[in-house]
């Protein structure tokens, strides 16, 4: 089990899931470590994602914790033995780690949905729109860093435009569609891009209009990525300190419920396309 300098969010998630299983089994760290034939310090490194694991180690731990969920065990084995070298790795050392973690999460996602109130979802953004968003950062980014962020955002679209498509649903508030990150022409191009993508069978776009009664909102933007099994789903929320990866079962359940509530009050896909088309014509 090789020690890592900096585990990825996916590697830390695997360790966290094993810790959840241990705690559900009522075992202390030293007890679980003894059953594995190691010490508590090593087990702590496993649960924090600092060291890698073999298929045998994952299966032994799952068995020791009396895990009867075979699909979860197989999914964890796949996480432990995955050797994918994704496109995002070329940004290693060039962009903050969360950029790489988000791209890796999306690569392994089985589906994705977003709720946005102020900005067009990242997967829909044009280069001009993304550049406008990143240019507003304070302090301002150097030109090279700005270009790297825009390039990374454009490459992330592979999950909805590339060879291995996943179902994607975006609920966008009218405010996000009306805010002009660029000029009129750039905004029209951005709206047209959303319309083009919304025609794909695997993409669903819904709009929440201003003219809607009894809408309490969803607090803030939300991203939800489906895992290989539901227990490995992940929600993302922006915080004052960056992007938070959420894996608590109770919180994931709350986010799924919240998304369905927002989805239920939004316009149907056909009406949403008509709405966006009308906004584009106004520009």
Protein backbone atom coordinates (compact mmCIF):
# COMPACT_ATOMS: atom_id res chain seq x y z
CA UNK A 1 0.00 0.00 0.00
CA UNK A 2 1.93 2.99 -1.31
CA UNK A 3 1.72 6.28 0.57
CA UNK A 4 0.33 9.22 -1.42
CA UNK A 5 1.52 12.81 -1.18
CA UNK A 6 -1.96 14.21 -1.68
CA UNK A 7 -4.98 11.89 -2.08
CA UNK A 8 -7.71 12.89 -4.49
CA UNK A 9 -11.29 13.49 -3.37
CA UNK A 10 -12.20 10.11 -4.89
CA UNK A 11 -9.50 8.33 -2.89
CA UNK A 12 -10.56 10.09 0.29
CA UNK A 13 -14.18 9.13 -0.42
CA UNK A 14 -13.25 5.45 -0.58
CA UNK A 15 -11.54 5.72 2.79
CA UNK A 16 -14.51 7.57 4.24
CA UNK A 17 -16.92 4.87 3.07
CA UNK A 18 -14.81 2.19 4.72
CA UNK A 19 -14.78 4.23 7.92
CA UNK A 20 -18.59 4.48 7.78
CA UNK A 21 -18.81 0.70 7.46
CA UNK A 22 -16.45 0.21 10.40
CA UNK A 23 -18.42 2.58 12.61
CA UNK A 24 -21.70 0.96 11.57
CA UNK A 25 -20.20 -2.36 12.64
CA UNK A 26 -19.41 -0.87 16.06
CA UNK A 27 -15.66 -1.45 15.76
CA UNK A 28 -12.94 0.77 17.15
CA UNK A 29 -9.99 1.57 14.92
CA UNK A 30 -7.62 -0.68 16.86
CA UNK A 31 -10.08 -3.60 16.66
CA UNK A 32 -10.49 -3.28 12.91
CA UNK A 33 -6.75 -2.88 12.45
CA UNK A 34 -6.02 -6.03 14.45
CA UNK A 35 -8.47 -8.02 12.31
CA UNK A 36 -6.67 -6.76 9.22
CA UNK A 37 -3.27 -7.62 10.69
CA UNK A 38 -2.02 -4.05 10.91
CA UNK A 39 -1.99 -1.20 13.42
CA UNK A 40 -4.43 1.64 14.04
CA UNK A 41 -2.09 4.21 12.48
CA UNK A 42 -2.10 2.31 9.21
CA UNK A 43 -5.87 1.93 9.31
CA UNK A 44 -6.18 5.68 9.86
CA UNK A 45 -4.10 6.24 6.72
CA UNK A 46 -6.40 3.91 4.80
CA UNK A 47 -9.50 5.74 5.98
CA UNK A 48 -8.03 9.13 5.10
CA UNK A 49 -7.03 7.99 1.61
CA UNK A 50 -3.34 8.55 2.30
CA UNK A 51 -2.40 5.00 1.28
CA UNK A 52 -3.68 2.92 -1.60
CA UNK A 53 -5.47 -0.38 -1.23
CA UNK A 54 -5.56 -3.66 -3.09
CA UNK A 55 -8.75 -5.48 -4.03
CA UNK A 56 -8.01 -8.02 -1.31
CA UNK A 57 -7.75 -5.32 1.38
CA UNK A 58 -11.10 -3.78 0.44
CA UNK A 59 -12.81 -7.17 0.43
CA UNK A 60 -11.29 -8.16 3.77
CA UNK A 61 -12.39 -4.92 5.38
CA UNK A 62 -15.91 -5.22 3.95
CA UNK A 63 -16.12 -8.80 5.25
CA UNK A 64 -14.77 -7.81 8.68
CA UNK A 65 -17.44 -5.09 8.84
CA UNK A 66 -20.17 -7.57 7.87
CA UNK A 67 -21.06 -5.56 4.78
CA UNK A 68 -23.78 -7.45 2.91
CA UNK A 69 -24.17 -4.85 0.17
CA UNK A 70 -22.36 -6.63 -2.66
CA UNK A 71 -22.89 -3.79 -5.14
CA UNK A 72 -21.26 -1.33 -2.75
CA UNK A 73 -18.34 -3.69 -2.16
CA UNK A 74 -17.77 -4.13 -5.89
CA UNK A 75 -17.97 -0.37 -6.41
CA UNK A 76 -15.38 0.21 -3.68
CA UNK A 77 -13.11 -2.43 -5.22
CA UNK A 78 -13.39 -0.60 -8.54
CA UNK A 79 -12.46 2.67 -6.83
CA UNK A 80 -9.43 1.08 -5.16
CA UNK A 81 -8.10 -0.60 -8.30
CA UNK A 82 -8.94 2.14 -10.84
CA UNK A 83 -5.82 3.36 -12.65
CA UNK A 84 -7.48 5.90 -14.92
CA UNK A 85 -5.21 8.68 -16.08
CA UNK A 86 -7.76 11.27 -17.12
CA UNK A 87 -7.44 14.38 -19.26
CA UNK A 88 -7.52 16.51 -16.09
CA UNK A 89 -4.14 15.24 -14.92
CA UNK A 90 -2.35 17.54 -17.36
CA UNK A 91 -3.53 20.39 -15.12
CA UNK A 92 -1.76 18.87 -12.10
CA UNK A 93 0.25 21.62 -10.41
CA UNK A 94 -1.28 24.24 -12.69
CA UNK A 95 -4.77 24.53 -11.19
CA UNK A 96 -6.03 24.18 -7.61
CA UNK A 97 -6.69 20.56 -6.61
CA UNK A 98 -10.52 20.93 -6.48
CA UNK A 99 -10.54 21.57 -10.24
CA UNK A 100 -9.01 18.14 -10.80
CA UNK A 101 -11.24 16.48 -8.20
CA UNK A 102 -14.40 17.82 -9.84
CA UNK A 103 -13.31 16.60 -13.28
CA UNK A 104 -12.52 13.14 -11.88
CA UNK A 105 -15.88 13.03 -10.09
CA UNK A 106 -17.67 13.89 -13.32
CA UNK A 107 -15.69 11.27 -15.26
CA UNK A 108 -16.97 8.53 -12.99
CA UNK A 109 -20.51 9.91 -12.55
CA UNK A 110 -23.48 7.90 -13.81
CA UNK A 111 -25.70 10.97 -14.07
CA UNK A 112 -25.62 14.63 -13.09
CA UNK A 113 -28.04 17.41 -12.24
CA UNK A 114 -27.52 21.08 -11.51
CA UNK A 115 -29.56 23.94 -10.08
CA UNK A 116 -28.29 27.44 -10.93
CA UNK A 117 -29.65 30.85 -9.97
CA UNK A 118 -27.01 33.40 -10.99
CA UNK A 119 -24.87 31.76 -13.68
CA UNK A 120 -25.35 29.43 -16.61
CA UNK A 121 -24.23 25.91 -15.57
CA UNK A 122 -20.55 25.34 -16.27
CA UNK A 123 -21.21 22.44 -18.64
CA UNK A 124 -23.22 24.80 -20.88
CA UNK A 125 -20.88 27.79 -20.82
CA UNK A 126 -19.22 29.15 -23.95
CA UNK A 127 -15.58 30.20 -23.80
CA UNK A 128 -16.54 33.87 -23.71
CA UNK A 129 -18.99 33.29 -20.86
CA UNK A 130 -16.50 31.24 -18.83
CA UNK A 131 -13.80 33.85 -19.40
CA UNK A 132 -16.17 36.54 -18.20
CA UNK A 133 -16.91 34.59 -15.02
CA UNK A 134 -13.26 33.91 -14.19
CA UNK A 135 -12.24 37.48 -15.11
CA UNK A 136 -14.43 38.81 -12.32
CA UNK A 137 -12.34 37.07 -9.69
CA UNK A 138 -10.67 39.27 -7.06
CA UNK A 139 -7.72 39.46 -7.03
CA UNK A 140 -7.56 39.22 -10.81
CA UNK A 141 -6.00 36.13 -12.32
CA UNK A 142 -2.86 36.35 -14.46
CA UNK A 143 -3.61 35.77 -18.16
CA UNK A 144 -2.10 32.28 -18.11
CA UNK A 145 -4.12 31.18 -15.07
CA UNK A 146 -7.27 32.60 -16.62
CA UNK A 147 -6.65 30.68 -19.84
CA UNK A 148 -6.06 27.45 -17.90
CA UNK A 149 -9.36 27.78 -16.03
CA UNK A 150 -11.29 28.45 -19.23
CA UNK A 151 -9.60 25.53 -21.00
CA UNK A 152 -10.35 23.19 -18.10
CA UNK A 153 -14.01 24.24 -18.04
CA UNK A 154 -14.35 23.62 -21.77
CA UNK A 155 -12.82 20.14 -21.46
CA UNK A 156 -15.23 19.21 -18.67
CA UNK A 157 -18.03 19.24 -21.26
CA UNK A 158 -16.84 15.85 -22.49
CA UNK A 159 -19.37 14.13 -20.20
CA UNK A 160 -22.27 15.62 -22.20
CA UNK A 161 -20.66 16.02 -25.64
CA UNK A 162 -18.06 13.22 -25.79
CA UNK A 163 -18.17 9.49 -26.51
CA UNK A 164 -19.36 8.37 -23.04
CA UNK A 165 -22.47 10.47 -22.42
CA UNK A 166 -24.31 10.57 -19.10
CA UNK A 167 -27.86 11.82 -18.39
CA UNK A 168 -27.74 15.49 -17.45
CA UNK A 169 -30.52 17.73 -16.14
CA UNK A 170 -30.13 21.43 -15.45
CA UNK A 171 -32.67 23.69 -13.74
CA UNK A 172 -31.79 27.31 -14.44
CA UNK A 173 -33.44 30.38 -12.95
CA UNK A 174 -34.43 33.18 -15.31
CA UNK A 175 -31.98 35.46 -13.48
CA UNK A 176 -29.03 33.36 -14.67
CA UNK A 177 -30.30 33.58 -18.25
CA UNK A 178 -30.81 37.34 -18.15
CA UNK A 179 -27.57 38.39 -16.43
CA UNK A 180 -25.21 39.55 -19.18
CA UNK A 181 -21.81 38.21 -18.28
CA UNK A 182 -20.68 39.51 -21.68
CA UNK A 183 -22.26 41.89 -24.18
CA UNK A 184 -25.57 41.34 -25.99
CA UNK A 185 -24.01 39.32 -28.78
CA UNK A 186 -22.10 37.03 -26.39
CA UNK A 187 -25.24 36.56 -24.28
CA UNK A 188 -27.28 35.64 -27.35
CA UNK A 189 -24.60 33.13 -28.37
CA UNK A 190 -24.69 31.63 -24.87
CA UNK A 191 -28.48 31.22 -24.92
CA UNK A 192 -28.30 29.68 -28.38
CA UNK A 193 -25.70 27.20 -27.12
CA UNK A 194 -28.05 26.10 -24.33
CA UNK A 195 -30.84 25.60 -26.88
CA UNK A 196 -28.58 23.50 -29.11
CA UNK A 197 -27.50 21.25 -26.25
CA UNK A 198 -31.05 20.90 -24.91
CA UNK A 199 -32.05 19.08 -28.10
CA UNK A 200 -29.91 16.07 -27.16
CA UNK A 201 -31.78 13.07 -25.78
CA UNK A 202 -29.57 12.80 -22.69
CA UNK A 203 -29.88 16.48 -21.73
CA UNK A 204 -32.88 18.10 -20.04
CA UNK A 205 -33.13 21.84 -19.45
CA UNK A 206 -35.79 23.42 -17.27
CA UNK A 207 -36.30 27.09 -16.48
CA UNK A 208 -37.64 28.72 -13.33
CA UNK A 209 -39.26 32.02 -14.39
CA UNK A 210 -39.44 35.12 -12.22
CA UNK A 211 -43.22 35.00 -12.59
CA UNK A 212 -43.68 32.08 -10.21
CA UNK A 213 -45.70 32.13 -7.01
CA UNK A 214 -44.63 30.46 -3.77
CA UNK A 215 -41.04 29.72 -4.75
CA UNK A 216 -38.73 29.63 -1.75
CA UNK A 217 -35.61 28.78 -3.73
CA UNK A 218 -32.96 26.18 -3.12
CA UNK A 219 -30.63 28.35 -0.95
CA UNK A 220 -27.84 28.36 -3.52
CA UNK A 221 -26.48 26.62 -6.60
CA UNK A 222 -26.30 22.85 -6.33
CA UNK A 223 -24.58 20.07 -8.25
CA UNK A 224 -25.36 16.40 -7.73
CA UNK A 225 -23.40 13.53 -9.29
CA UNK A 226 -24.64 9.94 -9.26
CA UNK A 227 -22.18 7.28 -8.15
CA UNK A 228 -21.82 3.65 -9.21
CA UNK A 229 -24.32 2.93 -6.42
CA UNK A 230 -26.54 5.47 -4.59
CA UNK A 231 -24.39 5.36 -1.45
CA UNK A 232 -21.53 6.76 -3.54
CA UNK A 233 -23.47 9.76 -4.85
CA UNK A 234 -21.87 13.17 -4.23
CA UNK A 235 -23.29 16.67 -3.89
CA UNK A 236 -21.23 19.79 -4.45
CA UNK A 237 -21.89 23.18 -2.87
CA UNK A 238 -19.88 26.38 -3.15
CA UNK A 239 -18.75 27.78 0.19
CA UNK A 240 -16.69 30.75 1.33
CA UNK A 241 -13.67 28.43 1.46
CA UNK A 242 -14.18 26.71 -1.91
CA UNK A 243 -16.13 23.71 -3.14
CA UNK A 244 -17.49 21.29 -0.55
CA UNK A 245 -17.88 17.60 -1.46
CA UNK A 246 -20.85 16.19 0.46
CA UNK A 247 -21.32 12.44 1.01
CA UNK A 248 -23.50 12.16 4.12
CA UNK A 249 -26.47 9.90 3.33
CA UNK A 250 -28.88 12.19 5.15
CA UNK A 251 -27.63 15.28 3.33
CA UNK A 252 -27.64 13.51 -0.03
CA UNK A 253 -31.25 12.53 0.60
CA UNK A 254 -32.10 16.14 1.42
CA UNK A 255 -30.45 17.36 -1.79
CA UNK A 256 -32.33 14.82 -3.90
CA UNK A 257 -35.60 15.94 -2.32
CA UNK A 258 -34.74 19.59 -2.81
CA UNK A 259 -33.88 19.04 -6.46
CA UNK A 260 -37.20 17.29 -7.11
CA UNK A 261 -39.05 20.17 -5.44
CA UNK A 262 -37.27 22.70 -7.64
CA UNK A 263 -37.79 20.52 -10.70
CA UNK A 264 -41.51 20.24 -9.96
CA UNK A 265 -42.10 24.01 -10.09
CA UNK A 266 -39.94 24.62 -13.17
CA UNK A 267 -41.25 24.82 -16.73
CA UNK A 268 -41.45 21.65 -18.81
CA UNK A 269 -38.52 21.16 -21.24
CA UNK A 270 -40.45 22.28 -24.33
CA UNK A 271 -41.74 25.42 -22.62
CA UNK A 272 -38.27 26.05 -21.23
CA UNK A 273 -36.77 25.99 -24.73
CA UNK A 274 -39.46 28.39 -25.94
CA UNK A 275 -38.68 30.64 -22.97
CA UNK A 276 -34.95 30.70 -23.71
CA UNK A 277 -35.60 31.27 -27.41
CA UNK A 278 -37.75 34.27 -26.54
CA UNK A 279 -35.03 35.72 -24.31
CA UNK A 280 -32.49 35.32 -27.10
CA UNK A 281 -34.75 37.16 -29.55
CA UNK A 282 -35.05 40.07 -27.12
CA UNK A 283 -31.30 40.73 -27.29
